[in-house]
Amino acid sequence: KRFPFDDIQDFDDAGRGFIGTAEDTVVRDS
């Protein structure tokens, strides 16, 4: 109730310019 959770500007910015992500979602060491 205290903060503007309906403000989605950050979500628009965080998703802007998305090209793609890794197919393998786990990064492992040697």
Full PDB file with SEQRES, HELIX, SHEET, SSBOND, CRYST1, ORIGX, SCALE, CONECT and MASTER records, all heavy atoms in Angstrom:
SEQRES   1 A   30  LYS ARG PHE PRO PHE ASP ASP ILE GLN ASP PHE ASP ASP          
SEQRES   2 A   30  ALA GLY ARG GLY PHE ILE GLY THR ALA GLU ASP THR VAL          
SEQRES   3 A   30  VAL ARG ASP SER                                              
HELIX    1 AA1 GLN A    9  GLY A   15  1                                   7    
CRYST1    1.000    1.000    1.000  90.00  90.00  90.00 P 1           1          
ORIGX1      1.000000  0.000000  0.000000        0.00000                         
ORIGX2      0.000000  1.000000  0.000000        0.00000                         
ORIGX3      0.000000  0.000000  1.000000        0.00000                         
SCALE1      1.000000  0.000000  0.000000        0.00000                         
SCALE2      0.000000  1.000000  0.000000        0.00000                         
SCALE3      0.000000  0.000000  1.000000        0.00000                         
ATOM      1  N   LYS A   1       0.818  -1.213   0.000  1.00  0.00           N  
ATOM      2  CA  LYS A   1       0.000   0.000   0.000  1.00  0.00           C  
ATOM      3  C   LYS A   1       0.851   1.262   0.000  1.00  0.00           C  
ATOM      4  O   LYS A   1       0.394   2.327  -0.434  1.00  0.00           O  
ATOM      5  CB  LYS A   1      -0.914   0.004   1.233  1.00  0.00           C  
ATOM      6  CG  LYS A   1      -1.849  -1.190   1.329  1.00  0.00           C  
ATOM      7  CD  LYS A   1      -2.623  -1.159   2.649  1.00  0.00           C  
ATOM      8  CE  LYS A   1      -3.493  -2.399   2.816  1.00  0.00           C  
ATOM      9  NZ  LYS A   1      -4.204  -2.396   4.125  1.00  0.00           N  
ATOM     10  N   ARG A   2       2.086   1.123   0.471  1.00  0.00           N  
ATOM     11  CA  ARG A   2       2.922   2.310   0.696  1.00  0.00           C  
ATOM     12  C   ARG A   2       3.642   2.770  -0.561  1.00  0.00           C  
ATOM     13  O   ARG A   2       3.904   3.958  -0.720  1.00  0.00           O  
ATOM     14  CB  ARG A   2       3.937   1.966   1.792  1.00  0.00           C  
ATOM     15  CG  ARG A   2       4.801   3.121   2.223  1.00  0.00           C  
ATOM     16  CD  ARG A   2       5.707   2.695   3.361  1.00  0.00           C  
ATOM     17  NE  ARG A   2       6.637   3.725   3.740  1.00  0.00           N  
ATOM     18  CZ  ARG A   2       7.646   3.546   4.572  1.00  0.00           C  
ATOM     19  NH1 ARG A   2       7.832   2.352   5.129  1.00  0.00           N  
ATOM     20  NH2 ARG A   2       8.462   4.539   4.876  1.00  0.00           N  
ATOM     21  N   PHE A   3       3.952   1.831  -1.468  1.00  0.00           N  
ATOM     22  CA  PHE A   3       4.789   2.176  -2.616  1.00  0.00           C  
ATOM     23  C   PHE A   3       4.067   1.884  -3.929  1.00  0.00           C  
ATOM     24  O   PHE A   3       3.145   1.045  -3.978  1.00  0.00           O  
ATOM     25  CB  PHE A   3       6.114   1.406  -2.547  1.00  0.00           C  
ATOM     26  CG  PHE A   3       6.941   1.734  -1.347  1.00  0.00           C  
ATOM     27  CD1 PHE A   3       7.208   0.778  -0.381  1.00  0.00           C  
ATOM     28  CD2 PHE A   3       7.439   3.020  -1.164  1.00  0.00           C  
ATOM     29  CE1 PHE A   3       7.965   1.085   0.744  1.00  0.00           C  
ATOM     30  CE2 PHE A   3       8.192   3.331  -0.039  1.00  0.00           C  
ATOM     31  CZ  PHE A   3       8.454   2.367   0.913  1.00  0.00           C  
ATOM     32  N   PRO A   4       4.480   2.532  -5.018  1.00  0.00           N  
ATOM     33  CA  PRO A   4       3.762   2.438  -6.303  1.00  0.00           C  
ATOM     34  C   PRO A   4       4.104   1.166  -7.085  1.00  0.00           C  
ATOM     35  O   PRO A   4       4.845   1.198  -8.070  1.00  0.00           O  
ATOM     36  CB  PRO A   4       4.234   3.696  -7.042  1.00  0.00           C  
ATOM     37  CG  PRO A   4       5.616   3.941  -6.530  1.00  0.00           C  
ATOM     38  CD  PRO A   4       5.575   3.524  -5.077  1.00  0.00           C  
ATOM     39  N   PHE A   5       3.529   0.066  -6.668  1.00  0.00           N  
ATOM     40  CA  PHE A   5       3.812  -1.202  -7.343  1.00  0.00           C  
ATOM     41  C   PHE A   5       3.223  -1.257  -8.753  1.00  0.00           C  
ATOM     42  O   PHE A   5       3.571  -2.140  -9.536  1.00  0.00           O  
ATOM     43  CB  PHE A   5       3.304  -2.377  -6.503  1.00  0.00           C  
ATOM     44  CG  PHE A   5       4.210  -2.734  -5.358  1.00  0.00           C  
ATOM     45  CD1 PHE A   5       4.134  -2.056  -4.149  1.00  0.00           C  
ATOM     46  CD2 PHE A   5       5.161  -3.728  -5.494  1.00  0.00           C  
ATOM     47  CE1 PHE A   5       4.976  -2.372  -3.088  1.00  0.00           C  
ATOM     48  CE2 PHE A   5       6.000  -4.063  -4.442  1.00  0.00           C  
ATOM     49  CZ  PHE A   5       5.915  -3.375  -3.240  1.00  0.00           C  
ATOM     50  N   ASP A   6       2.352  -0.316  -9.080  1.00  0.00           N  
ATOM     51  CA  ASP A   6       1.815  -0.280 -10.434  1.00  0.00           C  
ATOM     52  C   ASP A   6       2.759   0.431 -11.406  1.00  0.00           C  
ATOM     53  O   ASP A   6       2.501   0.464 -12.614  1.00  0.00           O  
ATOM     54  CB  ASP A   6       0.447   0.400 -10.442  1.00  0.00           C  
ATOM     55  CG  ASP A   6       0.478   1.816  -9.867  1.00  0.00           C  
ATOM     56  OD1 ASP A   6       1.506   2.184  -9.249  1.00  0.00           O  
ATOM     57  OD2 ASP A   6      -0.512   2.539 -10.033  1.00  0.00           O  
ATOM     58  N   ASP A   7       3.861   0.982 -10.909  1.00  0.00           N  
ATOM     59  CA  ASP A   7       4.874   1.610 -11.760  1.00  0.00           C  
ATOM     60  C   ASP A   7       5.748   0.505 -12.353  1.00  0.00           C  
ATOM     61  O   ASP A   7       6.520  -0.141 -11.642  1.00  0.00           O  
ATOM     62  CB  ASP A   7       5.712   2.575 -10.923  1.00  0.00           C  
ATOM     63  CG  ASP A   7       6.852   3.221 -11.710  1.00  0.00           C  
ATOM     64  OD1 ASP A   7       6.976   2.966 -12.933  1.00  0.00           O  
ATOM     65  OD2 ASP A   7       7.643   3.973 -11.092  1.00  0.00           O  
ATOM     66  N   ILE A   8       5.634   0.288 -13.669  1.00  0.00           N  
ATOM     67  CA  ILE A   8       6.361  -0.820 -14.297  1.00  0.00           C  
ATOM     68  C   ILE A   8       7.524  -0.335 -15.153  1.00  0.00           C  
ATOM     69  O   ILE A   8       8.056  -1.094 -15.963  1.00  0.00           O  
ATOM     70  CB  ILE A   8       5.405  -1.676 -15.142  1.00  0.00           C  
ATOM     71  CG1 ILE A   8       4.789  -0.836 -16.271  1.00  0.00           C  
ATOM     72  CG2 ILE A   8       4.336  -2.324 -14.269  1.00  0.00           C  
ATOM     73  CD1 ILE A   8       4.029  -1.678 -17.289  1.00  0.00           C  
ATOM     74  N   GLN A   9       7.941   0.924 -14.973  1.00  0.00           N  
ATOM     75  CA  GLN A   9       9.037   1.450 -15.793  1.00  0.00           C  
ATOM     76  C   GLN A   9      10.298   0.605 -15.660  1.00  0.00           C  
ATOM     77  O   GLN A   9      10.981   0.317 -16.644  1.00  0.00           O  
ATOM     78  CB  GLN A   9       9.349   2.900 -15.388  1.00  0.00           C  
ATOM     79  CG  GLN A   9      10.463   3.554 -16.208  1.00  0.00           C  
ATOM     80  CD  GLN A   9      10.079   3.755 -17.660  1.00  0.00           C  
ATOM     81  OE1 GLN A   9       9.140   4.489 -17.954  1.00  0.00           O  
ATOM     82  NE2 GLN A   9      10.785   3.097 -18.571  1.00  0.00           N  
ATOM     83  N   ASP A  10      10.626   0.190 -14.450  1.00  0.00           N  
ATOM     84  CA  ASP A  10      11.830  -0.620 -14.261  1.00  0.00           C  
ATOM     85  C   ASP A  10      11.723  -1.948 -15.005  1.00  0.00           C  
ATOM     86  O   ASP A  10      12.717  -2.440 -15.561  1.00  0.00           O  
ATOM     87  CB  ASP A  10      12.070  -0.880 -12.767  1.00  0.00           C  
ATOM     88  CG  ASP A  10      12.640   0.335 -12.044  1.00  0.00           C  
ATOM     89  OD1 ASP A  10      13.282   1.168 -12.718  1.00  0.00           O  
ATOM     90  OD2 ASP A  10      12.441   0.445 -10.826  1.00  0.00           O  
ATOM     91  N   PHE A  11      10.554  -2.541 -15.032  1.00  0.00           N  
ATOM     92  CA  PHE A  11      10.389  -3.800 -15.749  1.00  0.00           C  
ATOM     93  C   PHE A  11      10.529  -3.592 -17.262  1.00  0.00           C  
ATOM     94  O   PHE A  11      11.110  -4.426 -17.960  1.00  0.00           O  
ATOM     95  CB  PHE A  11       9.038  -4.440 -15.409  1.00  0.00           C  
ATOM     96  CG  PHE A  11       8.999  -5.027 -14.029  1.00  0.00           C  
ATOM     97  CD1 PHE A  11       8.549  -4.278 -12.948  1.00  0.00           C  
ATOM     98  CD2 PHE A  11       9.431  -6.322 -13.800  1.00  0.00           C  
ATOM     99  CE1 PHE A  11       8.526  -4.807 -11.675  1.00  0.00           C  
ATOM    100  CE2 PHE A  11       9.407  -6.873 -12.520  1.00  0.00           C  
ATOM    101  CZ  PHE A  11       8.960  -6.110 -11.456  1.00  0.00           C  
ATOM    102  N   ASP A  12      10.016  -2.457 -17.748  1.00  0.00           N  
ATOM    103  CA  ASP A  12      10.202  -2.140 -19.165  1.00  0.00           C  
ATOM    104  C   ASP A  12      11.684  -1.965 -19.478  1.00  0.00           C  
ATOM    105  O   ASP A  12      12.185  -2.465 -20.492  1.00  0.00           O  
ATOM    106  CB  ASP A  12       9.442  -0.863 -19.525  1.00  0.00           C  
ATOM    107  CG  ASP A  12       7.926  -1.059 -19.507  1.00  0.00           C  
ATOM    108  OD1 ASP A  12       7.468  -2.220 -19.546  1.00  0.00           O  
ATOM    109  OD2 ASP A  12       7.197  -0.047 -19.431  1.00  0.00           O  
ATOM    110  N   ASP A  13      12.391  -1.256 -18.587  1.00  0.00           N  
ATOM    111  CA  ASP A  13      13.823  -1.015 -18.817  1.00  0.00           C  
ATOM    112  C   ASP A  13      14.631  -2.303 -18.712  1.00  0.00           C  
ATOM    113  O   ASP A  13      15.549  -2.536 -19.506  1.00  0.00           O  
ATOM    114  CB  ASP A  13      14.349   0.007 -17.811  1.00  0.00           C  
ATOM    115  CG  ASP A  13      13.854   1.422 -18.085  1.00  0.00           C  
ATOM    116  OD1 ASP A  13      13.387   1.677 -19.215  1.00  0.00           O  
ATOM    117  OD2 ASP A  13      13.934   2.271 -17.175  1.00  0.00           O  
ATOM    118  N   ALA A  14      14.302  -3.129 -17.724  1.00  0.00           N  
ATOM    119  CA  ALA A  14      15.059  -4.364 -17.521  1.00  0.00           C  
ATOM    120  C   ALA A  14      14.890  -5.329 -18.693  1.00  0.00           C  
ATOM    121  O   ALA A  14      15.790  -6.125 -18.991  1.00  0.00           O  
ATOM    122  CB  ALA A  14      14.636  -5.040 -16.216  1.00  0.00           C  
ATOM    123  N   GLY A  15      13.755  -5.277 -19.382  1.00  0.00           N  
ATOM    124  CA  GLY A  15      13.523  -6.162 -20.519  1.00  0.00           C  
ATOM    125  C   GLY A  15      13.877  -5.569 -21.859  1.00  0.00           C  
ATOM    126  O   GLY A  15      13.912  -6.284 -22.872  1.00  0.00           O  
ATOM    127  N   ARG A  16      14.156  -4.270 -21.892  1.00  0.00           N  
ATOM    128  CA  ARG A  16      14.417  -3.590 -23.162  1.00  0.00           C  
ATOM    129  C   ARG A  16      15.692  -4.121 -23.828  1.00  0.00           C  
ATOM    130  O   ARG A  16      16.705  -4.323 -23.174  1.00  0.00           O  
ATOM    131  CB  ARG A  16      14.558  -2.086 -22.912  1.00  0.00           C  
ATOM    132  CG  ARG A  16      14.894  -1.269 -24.155  1.00  0.00           C  
ATOM    133  CD  ARG A  16      14.779   0.202 -23.859  1.00  0.00           C  
ATOM    134  NE  ARG A  16      15.313   1.018 -24.951  1.00  0.00           N  
ATOM    135  CZ  ARG A  16      15.199   2.342 -25.049  1.00  0.00           C  
ATOM    136  NH1 ARG A  16      14.558   3.001 -24.094  1.00  0.00           N  
ATOM    137  NH2 ARG A  16      15.720   2.994 -26.063  1.00  0.00           N  
ATOM    138  N   GLY A  17      15.607  -4.349 -25.110  1.00  0.00           N  
ATOM    139  CA  GLY A  17      16.771  -4.775 -25.873  1.00  0.00           C  
ATOM    140  C   GLY A  17      17.128  -6.242 -25.718  1.00  0.00           C  
ATOM    141  O   GLY A  17      18.210  -6.656 -26.151  1.00  0.00           O  
ATOM    142  N   PHE A  18      16.224  -7.037 -25.133  1.00  0.00           N  
ATOM    143  CA  PHE A  18      16.537  -8.457 -24.925  1.00  0.00           C  
ATOM    144  C   PHE A  18      16.758  -9.157 -26.261  1.00  0.00           C  
ATOM    145  O   PHE A  18      15.957  -9.044 -27.184  1.00  0.00           O  
ATOM    146  CB  PHE A  18      15.405  -9.135 -24.162  1.00  0.00           C  
ATOM    147  CG  PHE A  18      15.600 -10.612 -23.956  1.00  0.00           C  
ATOM    148  CD1 PHE A  18      16.546 -11.075 -23.054  1.00  0.00           C  
ATOM    149  CD2 PHE A  18      14.848 -11.539 -24.673  1.00  0.00           C  
ATOM    150  CE1 PHE A  18      16.733 -12.444 -22.855  1.00  0.00           C  
ATOM    151  CE2 PHE A  18      15.024 -12.903 -24.479  1.00  0.00           C  
ATOM    152  CZ  PHE A  18      15.971 -13.352 -23.568  1.00  0.00           C  
ATOM    153  N   ILE A  19      17.861  -9.900 -26.350  1.00  0.00           N  
ATOM    154  CA  ILE A  19      18.210 -10.626 -27.566  1.00  0.00           C  
ATOM    155  C   ILE A  19      18.035 -12.127 -27.379  1.00  0.00           C  
ATOM    156  O   ILE A  19      17.490 -12.821 -28.232  1.00  0.00           O  
ATOM    157  CB  ILE A  19      19.662 -10.298 -27.981  1.00  0.00           C  
ATOM    158  CG1 ILE A  19      19.776  -8.819 -28.358  1.00  0.00           C  
ATOM    159  CG2 ILE A  19      20.109 -11.190 -29.133  1.00  0.00           C  
ATOM    160  CD1 ILE A  19      21.209  -8.354 -28.587  1.00  0.00           C  
ATOM    161  N   GLY A  20      18.494 -12.651 -26.269  1.00  0.00           N  
ATOM    162  CA  GLY A  20      18.367 -14.072 -26.009  1.00  0.00           C  
ATOM    163  C   GLY A  20      19.165 -14.458 -24.789  1.00  0.00           C  
ATOM    164  O   GLY A  20      19.941 -13.658 -24.255  1.00  0.00           O  
ATOM    165  N   THR A  21      18.976 -15.679 -24.338  1.00  0.00           N  
ATOM    166  CA  THR A  21      19.737 -16.162 -23.181  1.00  0.00           C  
ATOM    167  C   THR A  21      20.298 -17.543 -23.495  1.00  0.00           C  
ATOM    168  O   THR A  21      20.065 -18.105 -24.568  1.00  0.00           O  
ATOM    169  CB  THR A  21      18.881 -16.176 -21.909  1.00  0.00           C  
ATOM    170  OG1 THR A  21      19.730 -16.363 -20.772  1.00  0.00           O  
ATOM    171  CG2 THR A  21      17.825 -17.258 -21.944  1.00  0.00           C  
ATOM    172  N   ALA A  22      21.056 -18.084 -22.565  1.00  0.00           N  
ATOM    173  CA  ALA A  22      21.738 -19.356 -22.797  1.00  0.00           C  
ATOM    174  C   ALA A  22      20.742 -20.508 -22.844  1.00  0.00           C  
ATOM    175  O   ALA A  22      19.747 -20.523 -22.111  1.00  0.00           O  
ATOM    176  CB  ALA A  22      22.772 -19.595 -21.705  1.00  0.00           C  
ATOM    177  N   GLU A  23      21.037 -21.469 -23.697  1.00  0.00           N  
ATOM    178  CA  GLU A  23      20.205 -22.664 -23.778  1.00  0.00           C  
ATOM    179  C   GLU A  23      20.465 -23.589 -22.586  1.00  0.00           C  
ATOM    180  O   GLU A  23      19.550 -24.203 -22.050  1.00  0.00           O  
ATOM    181  CB  GLU A  23      20.471 -23.398 -25.095  1.00  0.00           C  
ATOM    182  CG  GLU A  23      20.062 -22.578 -26.322  1.00  0.00           C  
ATOM    183  CD  GLU A  23      20.435 -23.267 -27.617  1.00  0.00           C  
ATOM    184  OE1 GLU A  23      21.100 -24.328 -27.563  1.00  0.00           O  
ATOM    185  OE2 GLU A  23      20.069 -22.754 -28.689  1.00  0.00           O  
ATOM    186  N   ASP A  24      21.729 -23.677 -22.199  1.00  0.00           N  
ATOM    187  CA  ASP A  24      22.088 -24.452 -21.017  1.00  0.00           C  
ATOM    188  C   ASP A  24      22.036 -23.515 -19.818  1.00  0.00           C  
ATOM    189  O   ASP A  24      22.831 -22.575 -19.718  1.00  0.00           O  
ATOM    190  CB  ASP A  24      23.492 -25.055 -21.170  1.00  0.00           C  
ATOM    191  CG  ASP A  24      23.843 -26.008 -20.027  1.00  0.00           C  
ATOM    192  OD1 ASP A  24      23.085 -26.066 -19.041  1.00  0.00           O  
ATOM    193  OD2 ASP A  24      24.895 -26.678 -20.123  1.00  0.00           O  
ATOM    194  N   THR A  25      21.103 -23.749 -18.922  1.00  0.00           N  
ATOM    195  CA  THR A  25      20.869 -22.805 -17.826  1.00  0.00           C  
ATOM    196  C   THR A  25      21.765 -23.043 -16.623  1.00  0.00           C  
ATOM    197  O   THR A  25      21.668 -22.319 -15.629  1.00  0.00           O  
ATOM    198  CB  THR A  25      19.401 -22.872 -17.374  1.00  0.00           C  
ATOM    199  OG1 THR A  25      19.119 -24.206 -16.923  1.00  0.00           O  
ATOM    200  CG2 THR A  25      18.468 -22.509 -18.517  1.00  0.00           C  
ATOM    201  N   VAL A  26      22.644 -24.041 -16.701  1.00  0.00           N  
ATOM    202  CA  VAL A  26      23.546 -24.343 -15.596  1.00  0.00           C  
ATOM    203  C   VAL A  26      24.985 -24.121 -16.050  1.00  0.00           C  
ATOM    204  O   VAL A  26      25.406 -24.641 -17.086  1.00  0.00           O  
ATOM    205  CB  VAL A  26      23.370 -25.787 -15.099  1.00  0.00           C  
ATOM    206  CG1 VAL A  26      24.362 -26.098 -13.978  1.00  0.00           C  
ATOM    207  CG2 VAL A  26      21.945 -26.012 -14.612  1.00  0.00           C  
ATOM    208  N   VAL A  27      25.742 -23.331 -15.286  1.00  0.00           N  
ATOM    209  CA  VAL A  27      27.165 -23.101 -15.558  1.00  0.00           C  
ATOM    210  C   VAL A  27      27.965 -23.957 -14.581  1.00  0.00           C  
ATOM    211  O   VAL A  27      27.746 -23.884 -13.368  1.00  0.00           O  
ATOM    212  CB  VAL A  27      27.526 -21.614 -15.396  1.00  0.00           C  
ATOM    213  CG1 VAL A  27      29.020 -21.390 -15.666  1.00  0.00           C  
ATOM    214  CG2 VAL A  27      26.680 -20.748 -16.319  1.00  0.00           C  
ATOM    215  N   ARG A  28      28.887 -24.746 -15.115  1.00  0.00           N  
ATOM    216  CA  ARG A  28      29.663 -25.666 -14.282  1.00  0.00           C  
ATOM    217  C   ARG A  28      31.150 -25.378 -14.426  1.00  0.00           C  
ATOM    218  O   ARG A  28      31.597 -24.797 -15.420  1.00  0.00           O  
ATOM    219  CB  ARG A  28      29.392 -27.122 -14.685  1.00  0.00           C  
ATOM    220  CG  ARG A  28      27.930 -27.533 -14.565  1.00  0.00           C  
ATOM    221  CD  ARG A  28      27.720 -28.971 -15.017  1.00  0.00           C  
ATOM    222  NE  ARG A  28      26.305 -29.321 -15.041  1.00  0.00           N  
ATOM    223  CZ  ARG A  28      25.629 -29.788 -13.991  1.00  0.00           C  
ATOM    224  NH1 ARG A  28      26.259 -29.972 -12.838  1.00  0.00           N  
ATOM    225  NH2 ARG A  28      24.344 -30.069 -14.085  1.00  0.00           N  
ATOM    226  N   ASP A  29      31.926 -25.814 -13.425  1.00  0.00           N  
ATOM    227  CA  ASP A  29      33.371 -25.704 -13.530  1.00  0.00           C  
ATOM    228  C   ASP A  29      33.929 -26.954 -14.209  1.00  0.00           C  
ATOM    229  O   ASP A  29      33.180 -27.839 -14.638  1.00  0.00           O  
ATOM    230  CB  ASP A  29      34.015 -25.459 -12.157  1.00  0.00           C  
ATOM    231  CG  ASP A  29      33.830 -26.612 -11.181  1.00  0.00           C  
ATOM    232  OD1 ASP A  29      33.470 -27.734 -11.615  1.00  0.00           O  
ATOM    233  OD2 ASP A  29      34.047 -26.399  -9.976  1.00  0.00           O  
ATOM    234  N   SER A  30      35.252 -27.045 -14.302  1.00  0.00           N  
ATOM    235  CA  SER A  30      35.883 -28.142 -15.032  1.00  0.00           C  
ATOM    236  C   SER A  30      35.637 -29.499 -14.379  1.00  0.00           C  
ATOM    237  O   SER A  30      35.767 -30.533 -15.029  1.00  0.00           O  
ATOM    238  CB  SER A  30      37.389 -27.891 -15.157  1.00  0.00           C  
ATOM    239  OG  SER A  30      37.977 -27.747 -13.868  1.00  0.00           O  
TER     240      SER A  30                                                      
MASTER        0    0    0    1    0    0    0    6  239    1    0    3          
END                                                                             
